[in-house]
Amino acid sequence: MGDSTEPAQELSGHVAPIDCDLSNEGIESHHMCMVMAVLISCPHLRRLKLNGNSIRDAGVGVLARGLLHNSSLQELGLARNFVTKLDLAGQRCPGALGPGGVEALAAALRNNTTLQELDIGGNDIRTQGAAALGSMLRAASSRGGALRRLSLCDNGLEASVMRVLQTAASEYKGLSLVV
């Protein structure tokens, strides 16, 4: 039967799903290689919350590569990874989670069959990122994607862009778009 120190869940052949909340931990893009390694090597990871960090487009690109090799993640939180910083002239500093990161994420999710909930509210995804999400929704819908909730709150998207996203979401059976 094995060593008596083995956890009961391993003896029964069942491993409990793992929830990982790394929200507001000061995680930056250069930390995402470690997160990608966890995505790839942890087949029981169910929830990953990375809200309120400083993960920029490059970091989300690394995360997206990890998602391509993960078949267990059901919830991903990337809300509020855009902390508005102004330079001396009062302009936004570049490099926050924006359209490039969302494009990489959308590409990774086109064929994903496990992610049910995605929160990217409070970022700076812009029209370009929204277009990538709309395209992903149409592609994933035709393949019977798993996504059930997409939160885009507080992204400052124009009404015309939101209408395009709402149209794409309406074609995706069972999807709730939170704006």
C-alpha atoms as a PDB file:
ATOM      1  CA  MET A   1       0.000   0.000   0.000  1.00  0.00           C
ATOM      2  CA  GLY A   2       2.969   2.336   0.277  1.00  0.00           C
ATOM      3  CA  ASP A   3       4.331   4.649   2.877  1.00  0.00           C
ATOM      4  CA  SER A   4       1.799   5.542   5.571  1.00  0.00           C
ATOM      5  CA  THR A   5       2.804   9.210   5.323  1.00  0.00           C
ATOM      6  CA  GLU A   6       1.182   9.592   1.888  1.00  0.00           C
ATOM      7  CA  PRO A   7      -1.752  12.015   1.940  1.00  0.00           C
ATOM      8  CA  ALA A   8      -5.167  10.365   1.856  1.00  0.00           C
ATOM      9  CA  GLN A   9      -6.064  12.115  -1.388  1.00  0.00           C
ATOM     10  CA  GLU A  10      -3.145  10.413  -3.153  1.00  0.00           C
ATOM     11  CA  LEU A  11      -4.069   6.994  -1.728  1.00  0.00           C
ATOM     12  CA  SER A  12      -7.546   7.274  -3.159  1.00  0.00           C
ATOM     13  CA  GLY A  13      -6.135   8.141  -6.574  1.00  0.00           C
ATOM     14  CA  HIS A  14      -7.787  11.569  -6.476  1.00  0.00           C
ATOM     15  CA  VAL A  15      -5.916  14.842  -6.266  1.00  0.00           C
ATOM     16  CA  ALA A  16      -7.925  17.880  -5.243  1.00  0.00           C
ATOM     17  CA  PRO A  17      -8.055  20.818  -7.685  1.00  0.00           C
ATOM     18  CA  ILE A  18      -5.598  23.588  -6.889  1.00  0.00           C
ATOM     19  CA  ASP A  19      -6.580  27.240  -6.567  1.00  0.00           C
ATOM     20  CA  CYS A  20      -3.744  29.772  -6.680  1.00  0.00           C
ATOM     21  CA  ASP A  21      -4.358  33.405  -5.698  1.00  0.00           C
ATOM     22  CA  LEU A  22      -1.343  35.623  -6.375  1.00  0.00           C
ATOM     23  CA  SER A  23      -3.355  38.849  -6.500  1.00  0.00           C
ATOM     24  CA  ASN A  24      -1.663  42.050  -5.349  1.00  0.00           C
ATOM     25  CA  GLU A  25       1.680  40.334  -4.814  1.00  0.00           C
ATOM     26  CA  GLY A  26       3.797  42.712  -6.903  1.00  0.00           C
ATOM     27  CA  ILE A  27       4.199  40.191  -9.716  1.00  0.00           C
ATOM     28  CA  GLU A  28       5.762  41.672 -12.827  1.00  0.00           C
ATOM     29  CA  SER A  29       6.319  40.422 -16.354  1.00  0.00           C
ATOM     30  CA  HIS A  30       9.709  38.916 -15.545  1.00  0.00           C
ATOM     31  CA  HIS A  31       8.062  36.611 -12.986  1.00  0.00           C
ATOM     32  CA  MET A  32       5.764  35.072 -15.589  1.00  0.00           C
ATOM     33  CA  CYS A  33       8.266  32.389 -16.646  1.00  0.00           C
ATOM     34  CA  MET A  34       7.716  30.800 -13.231  1.00  0.00           C
ATOM     35  CA  VAL A  35       3.945  31.074 -13.611  1.00  0.00           C
ATOM     36  CA  MET A  36       4.182  29.506 -17.083  1.00  0.00           C
ATOM     37  CA  ALA A  37       6.157  26.600 -15.606  1.00  0.00           C
ATOM     38  CA  VAL A  38       3.389  26.033 -13.050  1.00  0.00           C
ATOM     39  CA  LEU A  39       0.727  26.124 -15.789  1.00  0.00           C
ATOM     40  CA  ILE A  40       2.606  23.493 -17.752  1.00  0.00           C
ATOM     41  CA  SER A  41       3.614  21.235 -14.862  1.00  0.00           C
ATOM     42  CA  CYS A  42       0.538  21.352 -12.616  1.00  0.00           C
ATOM     43  CA  PRO A  43      -2.275  19.328 -14.181  1.00  0.00           C
ATOM     44  CA  HIS A  44      -4.643  20.062 -11.279  1.00  0.00           C
ATOM     45  CA  LEU A  45      -4.456  23.869 -11.350  1.00  0.00           C
ATOM     46  CA  ARG A  46      -8.052  25.053 -11.556  1.00  0.00           C
ATOM     47  CA  ARG A  47      -7.936  28.765 -10.659  1.00  0.00           C
ATOM     48  CA  LEU A  48      -5.176  31.305 -11.157  1.00  0.00           C
ATOM     49  CA  LYS A  49      -5.713  34.831  -9.874  1.00  0.00           C
ATOM     50  CA  LEU A  50      -3.106  37.403 -10.880  1.00  0.00           C
ATOM     51  CA  ASN A  51      -5.234  40.507 -10.299  1.00  0.00           C
ATOM     52  CA  GLY A  52      -3.711  43.801  -9.204  1.00  0.00           C
ATOM     53  CA  ASN A  53      -0.138  43.093 -10.236  1.00  0.00           C
ATOM     54  CA  SER A  54       2.119  44.751 -12.819  1.00  0.00           C
ATOM     55  CA  ILE A  55       1.993  42.133 -15.530  1.00  0.00           C
ATOM     56  CA  ARG A  56       2.519  43.846 -18.836  1.00  0.00           C
ATOM     57  CA  ASP A  57       2.047  42.672 -22.421  1.00  0.00           C
ATOM     58  CA  ALA A  58       5.305  40.697 -22.466  1.00  0.00           C
ATOM     59  CA  GLY A  59       4.318  38.834 -19.289  1.00  0.00           C
ATOM     60  CA  VAL A  60       0.873  37.999 -20.629  1.00  0.00           C
ATOM     61  CA  GLY A  61       2.566  36.716 -23.783  1.00  0.00           C
ATOM     62  CA  VAL A  62       4.571  34.275 -21.646  1.00  0.00           C
ATOM     63  CA  LEU A  63       1.407  33.307 -19.746  1.00  0.00           C
ATOM     64  CA  ALA A  64      -0.365  32.693 -23.070  1.00  0.00           C
ATOM     65  CA  ARG A  65       2.366  30.253 -24.117  1.00  0.00           C
ATOM     66  CA  GLY A  66       1.790  28.359 -20.868  1.00  0.00           C
ATOM     67  CA  LEU A  67      -1.960  28.253 -21.526  1.00  0.00           C
ATOM     68  CA  LEU A  68      -1.299  26.463 -24.808  1.00  0.00           C
ATOM     69  CA  HIS A  69       0.034  23.508 -22.792  1.00  0.00           C
ATOM     70  CA  ASN A  70      -2.484  23.544 -19.940  1.00  0.00           C
ATOM     71  CA  SER A  71      -5.664  21.499 -19.949  1.00  0.00           C
ATOM     72  CA  SER A  72      -7.009  22.099 -16.450  1.00  0.00           C
ATOM     73  CA  LEU A  73      -7.277  25.852 -15.811  1.00  0.00           C
ATOM     74  CA  GLN A  74     -10.897  26.961 -15.513  1.00  0.00           C
ATOM     75  CA  GLU A  75     -10.557  30.501 -14.150  1.00  0.00           C
ATOM     76  CA  LEU A  76      -7.978  33.175 -14.908  1.00  0.00           C
ATOM     77  CA  GLY A  77      -7.940  36.594 -13.279  1.00  0.00           C
ATOM     78  CA  LEU A  78      -5.812  39.339 -14.822  1.00  0.00           C
ATOM     79  CA  ALA A  79      -7.870  42.340 -13.681  1.00  0.00           C
ATOM     80  CA  ARG A  80      -6.245  45.646 -12.806  1.00  0.00           C
ATOM     81  CA  ASN A  81      -2.800  44.927 -14.194  1.00  0.00           C
ATOM     82  CA  PHE A  82      -2.821  48.389 -15.688  1.00  0.00           C
ATOM     83  CA  VAL A  83      -1.734  50.828 -13.045  1.00  0.00           C
ATOM     84  CA  THR A  84      -1.971  54.266 -14.590  1.00  0.00           C
ATOM     85  CA  LYS A  85       1.372  55.958 -14.314  1.00  0.00           C
ATOM     86  CA  LEU A  86       1.944  59.414 -15.707  1.00  0.00           C
ATOM     87  CA  ASP A  87       5.241  60.757 -16.942  1.00  0.00           C
ATOM     88  CA  LEU A  88       6.385  64.292 -16.200  1.00  0.00           C
ATOM     89  CA  ALA A  89       4.350  65.636 -19.140  1.00  0.00           C
ATOM     90  CA  GLY A  90       1.188  64.000 -17.787  1.00  0.00           C
ATOM     91  CA  GLN A  91       1.086  61.270 -20.456  1.00  0.00           C
ATOM     92  CA  ARG A  92       0.467  57.577 -19.798  1.00  0.00           C
ATOM     93  CA  CYS A  93       3.610  55.508 -19.606  1.00  0.00           C
ATOM     94  CA  PRO A  94       3.694  52.670 -22.153  1.00  0.00           C
ATOM     95  CA  GLY A  95       4.008  48.996 -21.364  1.00  0.00           C
ATOM     96  CA  ALA A  96       0.920  48.172 -19.286  1.00  0.00           C
ATOM     97  CA  LEU A  97      -1.299  45.177 -19.980  1.00  0.00           C
ATOM     98  CA  GLY A  98      -2.748  46.393 -23.219  1.00  0.00           C
ATOM     99  CA  PRO A  99      -3.667  45.255 -26.689  1.00  0.00           C
ATOM    100  CA  GLY A 100      -0.509  43.226 -27.352  1.00  0.00           C
ATOM    101  CA  GLY A 101      -0.983  41.091 -24.249  1.00  0.00           C
ATOM    102  CA  VAL A 102      -4.669  40.627 -24.981  1.00  0.00           C
ATOM    103  CA  GLU A 103      -3.869  39.592 -28.566  1.00  0.00           C
ATOM    104  CA  ALA A 104      -1.477  36.895 -27.271  1.00  0.00           C
ATOM    105  CA  LEU A 105      -4.050  35.744 -24.722  1.00  0.00           C
ATOM    106  CA  ALA A 106      -6.831  35.631 -27.329  1.00  0.00           C
ATOM    107  CA  ALA A 107      -4.643  33.587 -29.689  1.00  0.00           C
ATOM    108  CA  ALA A 108      -3.935  31.069 -26.928  1.00  0.00           C
ATOM    109  CA  LEU A 109      -7.629  30.782 -26.067  1.00  0.00           C
ATOM    110  CA  ARG A 110      -8.881  30.150 -29.618  1.00  0.00           C
ATOM    111  CA  ASN A 111      -8.655  26.376 -29.150  1.00  0.00           C
ATOM    112  CA  ASN A 112      -8.832  26.213 -25.359  1.00  0.00           C
ATOM    113  CA  THR A 113     -11.448  23.782 -24.072  1.00  0.00           C
ATOM    114  CA  THR A 114     -11.162  24.277 -20.307  1.00  0.00           C
ATOM    115  CA  LEU A 115     -11.076  27.993 -19.414  1.00  0.00           C
ATOM    116  CA  GLN A 116     -14.556  29.004 -18.275  1.00  0.00           C
ATOM    117  CA  GLU A 117     -13.927  32.407 -16.723  1.00  0.00           C
ATOM    118  CA  LEU A 118     -11.597  35.221 -17.780  1.00  0.00           C
ATOM    119  CA  ASP A 119     -11.372  38.574 -15.999  1.00  0.00           C
ATOM    120  CA  ILE A 120      -9.329  41.253 -17.759  1.00  0.00           C
ATOM    121  CA  GLY A 121     -11.207  44.232 -16.354  1.00  0.00           C
ATOM    122  CA  GLY A 122      -9.430  47.416 -15.388  1.00  0.00           C
ATOM    123  CA  ASN A 123      -6.710  47.193 -18.027  1.00  0.00           C
ATOM    124  CA  ASP A 124      -5.960  49.128 -21.198  1.00  0.00           C
ATOM    125  CA  ILE A 125      -6.901  46.652 -23.922  1.00  0.00           C
ATOM    126  CA  ARG A 126      -8.037  49.301 -26.438  1.00  0.00           C
ATOM    127  CA  THR A 127      -9.762  48.656 -29.747  1.00  0.00           C
ATOM    128  CA  GLN A 128      -6.966  46.380 -30.986  1.00  0.00           C
ATOM    129  CA  GLY A 129      -7.245  44.053 -27.972  1.00  0.00           C
ATOM    130  CA  ALA A 130     -11.040  44.073 -28.138  1.00  0.00           C
ATOM    131  CA  ALA A 131     -10.895  43.111 -31.826  1.00  0.00           C
ATOM    132  CA  ALA A 132      -8.625  40.174 -30.950  1.00  0.00           C
ATOM    133  CA  LEU A 133     -11.094  39.069 -28.264  1.00  0.00           C
ATOM    134  CA  GLY A 134     -14.012  39.309 -30.694  1.00  0.00           C
ATOM    135  CA  SER A 135     -12.140  37.203 -33.225  1.00  0.00           C
ATOM    136  CA  MET A 136     -11.253  34.646 -30.526  1.00  0.00           C
ATOM    137  CA  LEU A 137     -14.889  34.460 -29.403  1.00  0.00           C
ATOM    138  CA  ARG A 138     -16.091  33.763 -32.940  1.00  0.00           C
ATOM    139  CA  ALA A 139     -13.419  31.082 -33.512  1.00  0.00           C
ATOM    140  CA  ALA A 140     -13.873  29.431 -30.114  1.00  0.00           C
ATOM    141  CA  SER A 141     -17.667  29.481 -30.448  1.00  0.00           C
ATOM    142  CA  SER A 142     -17.510  27.516 -33.672  1.00  0.00           C
ATOM    143  CA  ARG A 143     -15.391  24.890 -31.871  1.00  0.00           C
ATOM    144  CA  GLY A 144     -17.613  24.700 -28.789  1.00  0.00           C
ATOM    145  CA  GLY A 145     -15.329  26.643 -26.430  1.00  0.00           C
ATOM    146  CA  ALA A 146     -15.714  26.406 -22.663  1.00  0.00           C
ATOM    147  CA  LEU A 147     -15.673  30.139 -21.823  1.00  0.00           C
ATOM    148  CA  ARG A 148     -18.776  31.091 -19.832  1.00  0.00           C
ATOM    149  CA  ARG A 149     -17.830  34.480 -18.350  1.00  0.00           C
ATOM    150  CA  LEU A 150     -15.689  37.245 -19.828  1.00  0.00           C
ATOM    151  CA  SER A 151     -15.249  40.357 -17.698  1.00  0.00           C
ATOM    152  CA  LEU A 152     -14.112  43.535 -19.442  1.00  0.00           C
ATOM    153  CA  CYS A 153     -15.199  46.116 -16.849  1.00  0.00           C
ATOM    154  CA  ASP A 154     -13.355  49.442 -16.682  1.00  0.00           C
ATOM    155  CA  ASN A 155     -11.376  49.136 -19.895  1.00  0.00           C
ATOM    156  CA  GLY A 156     -12.616  52.444 -21.298  1.00  0.00           C
ATOM    157  CA  LEU A 157     -13.750  50.890 -24.559  1.00  0.00           C
ATOM    158  CA  GLU A 158     -15.811  52.994 -26.940  1.00  0.00           C
ATOM    159  CA  ALA A 159     -19.491  52.150 -27.396  1.00  0.00           C
ATOM    160  CA  SER A 160     -18.956  50.997 -30.997  1.00  0.00           C
ATOM    161  CA  VAL A 161     -16.229  48.583 -29.886  1.00  0.00           C
ATOM    162  CA  MET A 162     -18.451  47.247 -27.102  1.00  0.00           C
ATOM    163  CA  ARG A 163     -21.261  46.615 -29.620  1.00  0.00           C
ATOM    164  CA  VAL A 164     -18.902  44.529 -31.771  1.00  0.00           C
ATOM    165  CA  LEU A 165     -17.844  42.518 -28.711  1.00  0.00           C
ATOM    166  CA  GLN A 166     -21.447  42.075 -27.597  1.00  0.00           C
ATOM    167  CA  THR A 167     -22.365  40.788 -31.050  1.00  0.00           C
ATOM    168  CA  ALA A 168     -19.497  38.270 -30.973  1.00  0.00           C
ATOM    169  CA  ALA A 169     -20.477  37.255 -27.435  1.00  0.00           C
ATOM    170  CA  SER A 170     -24.126  36.746 -28.438  1.00  0.00           C
ATOM    171  CA  GLU A 171     -22.979  34.175 -31.018  1.00  0.00           C
ATOM    172  CA  TYR A 172     -21.062  32.280 -28.316  1.00  0.00           C
ATOM    173  CA  LYS A 173     -23.540  29.937 -26.643  1.00  0.00           C
ATOM    174  CA  GLY A 174     -23.702  30.302 -22.871  1.00  0.00           C
ATOM    175  CA  LEU A 175     -21.259  33.227 -22.592  1.00  0.00           C
ATOM    176  CA  SER A 176     -21.890  36.061 -20.172  1.00  0.00           C
ATOM    177  CA  LEU A 177     -20.090  39.259 -21.137  1.00  0.00           C
ATOM    178  CA  VAL A 178     -19.574  41.570 -18.149  1.00  0.00           C
ATOM    179  CA  VAL A 179     -18.907  45.173 -19.156  1.00  0.00           C
END
